Amino acid sequence: MHYTSIVHPGHGRGDSEIGYPTLNCTIPDPFNNDSNQPYPHGIYAGWIYIDGLQHPAAIHYGPIPLFNLADESLEIYVMDTRLATRPESVEFELVQKIRDIVDFEQPAELTAQINQDIIDIKAALGY
């Protein structure tokens, strides 16, 4: 199922503290799976479509406990390119949940986990 989302500015921590810049997106309403059930929070393998091109994506949906952010967020890391500018909106799809959200003590622990997530996401997408 494809979703469209508005992209808005984030805090910049993905690039400066974690090493993985993300697109901060509005959460579609409703944000349900093919069974019409809400997606559970977690890290997902997916695809993002920007300017008509498909890119592999690591997608975070849920709170960000490392930075004490309890509200749900939707952040997308475009895995195969670094975007020169932030798009106004994107289309994306979730393919497979990779893992649950974990509360890390330090940004370096999250970075190490994202490194593994990317390996798992590439395998899930056949990329």
C-alpha atoms as a PDB file:
ATOM      1  CA  MET A   1       0.000   0.000   0.000  1.00  0.00           C
ATOM      2  CA  HIS A   2       1.408   3.386  -0.999  1.00  0.00           C
ATOM      3  CA  TYR A   3       1.137   6.453   1.218  1.00  0.00           C
ATOM      4  CA  THR A   4       1.796  10.116   0.522  1.00  0.00           C
ATOM      5  CA  SER A   5       3.301  12.297   3.210  1.00  0.00           C
ATOM      6  CA  ILE A   6       4.313  15.923   3.639  1.00  0.00           C
ATOM      7  CA  VAL A   7       7.995  16.328   4.575  1.00  0.00           C
ATOM      8  CA  HIS A   8       8.802  18.827   7.325  1.00  0.00           C
ATOM      9  CA  PRO A   9      12.002  20.024   9.001  1.00  0.00           C
ATOM     10  CA  GLY A  10      13.388  17.874  11.780  1.00  0.00           C
ATOM     11  CA  HIS A  11      15.841  18.490  14.606  1.00  0.00           C
ATOM     12  CA  GLY A  12      18.889  17.577  12.487  1.00  0.00           C
ATOM     13  CA  ARG A  13      20.035  14.849  14.868  1.00  0.00           C
ATOM     14  CA  GLY A  14      19.788  12.126  12.237  1.00  0.00           C
ATOM     15  CA  ASP A  15      22.624  13.696  10.302  1.00  0.00           C
ATOM     16  CA  SER A  16      24.666  15.339  13.068  1.00  0.00           C
ATOM     17  CA  GLU A  17      24.405  12.809  15.924  1.00  0.00           C
ATOM     18  CA  ILE A  18      23.416   9.514  14.319  1.00  0.00           C
ATOM     19  CA  GLY A  19      25.025   9.734  10.872  1.00  0.00           C
ATOM     20  CA  TYR A  20      21.827   8.882   9.002  1.00  0.00           C
ATOM     21  CA  PRO A  21      19.876  11.911   7.772  1.00  0.00           C
ATOM     22  CA  THR A  22      16.153  11.285   7.548  1.00  0.00           C
ATOM     23  CA  LEU A  23      13.118  12.863   5.986  1.00  0.00           C
ATOM     24  CA  ASN A  24      10.661  13.739   8.735  1.00  0.00           C
ATOM     25  CA  CYS A  25       7.188  12.999   7.436  1.00  0.00           C
ATOM     26  CA  THR A  26       3.639  13.526   8.580  1.00  0.00           C
ATOM     27  CA  ILE A  27       1.941  10.291   9.559  1.00  0.00           C
ATOM     28  CA  PRO A  28      -0.808   9.467   7.066  1.00  0.00           C
ATOM     29  CA  ASP A  29      -4.323   9.203   8.453  1.00  0.00           C
ATOM     30  CA  PRO A  30      -5.297   6.432   8.445  1.00  0.00           C
ATOM     31  CA  PHE A  31      -1.958   4.611   8.548  1.00  0.00           C
ATOM     32  CA  ASN A  32      -3.173   1.033   8.294  1.00  0.00           C
ATOM     33  CA  ASN A  33      -1.869  -2.153   6.702  1.00  0.00           C
ATOM     34  CA  ASP A  34      -3.622  -4.289   4.079  1.00  0.00           C
ATOM     35  CA  SER A  35      -5.744  -5.853   6.846  1.00  0.00           C
ATOM     36  CA  ASN A  36      -6.913  -2.340   7.824  1.00  0.00           C
ATOM     37  CA  GLN A  37      -5.066  -2.611  11.150  1.00  0.00           C
ATOM     38  CA  PRO A  38      -2.784   0.182  12.416  1.00  0.00           C
ATOM     39  CA  TYR A  39       0.891  -0.480  11.813  1.00  0.00           C
ATOM     40  CA  PRO A  40       2.788  -1.402  14.975  1.00  0.00           C
ATOM     41  CA  HIS A  41       5.678   0.843  15.931  1.00  0.00           C
ATOM     42  CA  GLY A  42       9.003  -0.337  14.594  1.00  0.00           C
ATOM     43  CA  ILE A  43      11.680  -0.165  11.946  1.00  0.00           C
ATOM     44  CA  TYR A  44      10.581  -1.176   8.453  1.00  0.00           C
ATOM     45  CA  ALA A  45      12.127  -2.016   5.118  1.00  0.00           C
ATOM     46  CA  GLY A  46      10.364  -0.046   2.429  1.00  0.00           C
ATOM     47  CA  TRP A  47      10.487   1.992  -0.728  1.00  0.00           C
ATOM     48  CA  ILE A  48      10.321   5.738  -1.161  1.00  0.00           C
ATOM     49  CA  TYR A  49       9.448   7.455  -4.427  1.00  0.00           C
ATOM     50  CA  ILE A  50      11.009  10.848  -5.130  1.00  0.00           C
ATOM     51  CA  ASP A  51      10.737  12.638  -8.474  1.00  0.00           C
ATOM     52  CA  GLY A  52       9.462   9.435 -10.082  1.00  0.00           C
ATOM     53  CA  LEU A  53      12.409   7.330  -8.863  1.00  0.00           C
ATOM     54  CA  GLN A  54      12.170   4.389  -6.459  1.00  0.00           C
ATOM     55  CA  HIS A  55      14.739   4.212  -3.639  1.00  0.00           C
ATOM     56  CA  PRO A  56      15.251   1.634  -0.875  1.00  0.00           C
ATOM     57  CA  ALA A  57      14.356   3.066   2.510  1.00  0.00           C
ATOM     58  CA  ALA A  58      14.737   2.443   6.229  1.00  0.00           C
ATOM     59  CA  ILE A  59      11.534   3.677   7.851  1.00  0.00           C
ATOM     60  CA  HIS A  60      11.113   4.471  11.546  1.00  0.00           C
ATOM     61  CA  TYR A  61       7.562   4.664  12.873  1.00  0.00           C
ATOM     62  CA  GLY A  62       6.925   5.411  16.534  1.00  0.00           C
ATOM     63  CA  PRO A  63       8.539   7.214  19.455  1.00  0.00           C
ATOM     64  CA  ILE A  64      12.251   8.017  19.725  1.00  0.00           C
ATOM     65  CA  PRO A  65      13.182   7.076  23.299  1.00  0.00           C
ATOM     66  CA  LEU A  66      16.892   7.967  22.915  1.00  0.00           C
ATOM     67  CA  PHE A  67      15.901  11.637  22.620  1.00  0.00           C
ATOM     68  CA  ASN A  68      12.955  11.391  25.055  1.00  0.00           C
ATOM     69  CA  LEU A  69      10.415  11.874  22.256  1.00  0.00           C
ATOM     70  CA  ALA A  70       7.310   9.911  23.240  1.00  0.00           C
ATOM     71  CA  ASP A  71       5.113  11.160  20.384  1.00  0.00           C
ATOM     72  CA  GLU A  72       4.850   9.052  17.250  1.00  0.00           C
ATOM     73  CA  SER A  73       7.137  10.073  14.425  1.00  0.00           C
ATOM     74  CA  LEU A  74       7.665   8.879  10.873  1.00  0.00           C
ATOM     75  CA  GLU A  75      11.216   9.201   9.583  1.00  0.00           C
ATOM     76  CA  ILE A  76      12.571   7.841   6.332  1.00  0.00           C
ATOM     77  CA  TYR A  77      16.237   7.276   5.522  1.00  0.00           C
ATOM     78  CA  VAL A  78      16.839   7.117   1.764  1.00  0.00           C
ATOM     79  CA  MET A  79      19.476   4.399   1.524  1.00  0.00           C
ATOM     80  CA  ASP A  80      20.952   4.800  -1.945  1.00  0.00           C
ATOM     81  CA  THR A  81      21.388   8.553  -2.334  1.00  0.00           C
ATOM     82  CA  ARG A  82      21.943  11.716  -0.364  1.00  0.00           C
ATOM     83  CA  LEU A  83      19.283  14.252  -1.284  1.00  0.00           C
ATOM     84  CA  ALA A  84      20.512  17.735  -2.174  1.00  0.00           C
ATOM     85  CA  THR A  85      17.218  19.308  -1.105  1.00  0.00           C
ATOM     86  CA  ARG A  86      14.288  18.240   1.029  1.00  0.00           C
ATOM     87  CA  PRO A  87      11.251  17.328  -1.093  1.00  0.00           C
ATOM     88  CA  GLU A  88       7.897  18.876  -0.165  1.00  0.00           C
ATOM     89  CA  SER A  89       6.204  15.486  -0.156  1.00  0.00           C
ATOM     90  CA  VAL A  90       7.029  11.857  -0.820  1.00  0.00           C
ATOM     91  CA  GLU A  91       5.255   8.637  -1.623  1.00  0.00           C
ATOM     92  CA  PHE A  92       6.369   5.545   0.281  1.00  0.00           C
ATOM     93  CA  GLU A  93       5.429   1.984   1.135  1.00  0.00           C
ATOM     94  CA  LEU A  94       6.271  -0.346   3.987  1.00  0.00           C
ATOM     95  CA  VAL A  95       7.403  -3.804   2.886  1.00  0.00           C
ATOM     96  CA  GLN A  96       8.491  -5.653   6.023  1.00  0.00           C
ATOM     97  CA  LYS A  97       8.940  -4.912   9.713  1.00  0.00           C
ATOM     98  CA  ILE A  98      12.587  -5.446  10.650  1.00  0.00           C
ATOM     99  CA  ARG A  99      12.495  -4.908  14.409  1.00  0.00           C
ATOM    100  CA  ASP A 100      10.827  -3.186  17.326  1.00  0.00           C
ATOM    101  CA  ILE A 101      11.953   0.205  18.598  1.00  0.00           C
ATOM    102  CA  VAL A 102      14.688  -0.024  21.226  1.00  0.00           C
ATOM    103  CA  ASP A 103      15.643   2.515  23.900  1.00  0.00           C
ATOM    104  CA  PHE A 104      19.385   3.053  23.396  1.00  0.00           C
ATOM    105  CA  GLU A 105      21.612   4.687  26.007  1.00  0.00           C
ATOM    106  CA  GLN A 106      23.894   6.500  23.551  1.00  0.00           C
ATOM    107  CA  PRO A 107      23.655   7.716  19.944  1.00  0.00           C
ATOM    108  CA  ALA A 108      26.587   5.432  19.008  1.00  0.00           C
ATOM    109  CA  GLU A 109      24.521   2.383  20.026  1.00  0.00           C
ATOM    110  CA  LEU A 110      21.693   3.511  17.737  1.00  0.00           C
ATOM    111  CA  THR A 111      24.146   4.111  14.881  1.00  0.00           C
ATOM    112  CA  ALA A 112      25.516   0.569  15.279  1.00  0.00           C
ATOM    113  CA  GLN A 113      21.985  -0.844  15.231  1.00  0.00           C
ATOM    114  CA  ILE A 114      21.084   1.167  12.114  1.00  0.00           C
ATOM    115  CA  ASN A 115      24.175  -0.268  10.401  1.00  0.00           C
ATOM    116  CA  GLN A 116      22.734  -3.752  11.036  1.00  0.00           C
ATOM    117  CA  ASP A 117      19.216  -2.629  10.104  1.00  0.00           C
ATOM    118  CA  ILE A 118      20.462  -1.524   6.693  1.00  0.00           C
ATOM    119  CA  ILE A 119      21.940  -4.975   6.054  1.00  0.00           C
ATOM    120  CA  ASP A 120      18.625  -6.555   7.076  1.00  0.00           C
ATOM    121  CA  ILE A 121      16.601  -4.085   4.989  1.00  0.00           C
ATOM    122  CA  LYS A 122      18.682  -4.722   1.876  1.00  0.00           C
ATOM    123  CA  ALA A 123      18.085  -8.450   2.324  1.00  0.00           C
ATOM    124  CA  ALA A 124      14.340  -7.922   2.824  1.00  0.00           C
ATOM    125  CA  LEU A 125      14.100  -5.786  -0.304  1.00  0.00           C
ATOM    126  CA  GLY A 126      16.401  -7.991  -2.393  1.00  0.00           C
ATOM    127  CA  TYR A 127      18.571  -4.936  -2.951  1.00  0.00           C
END
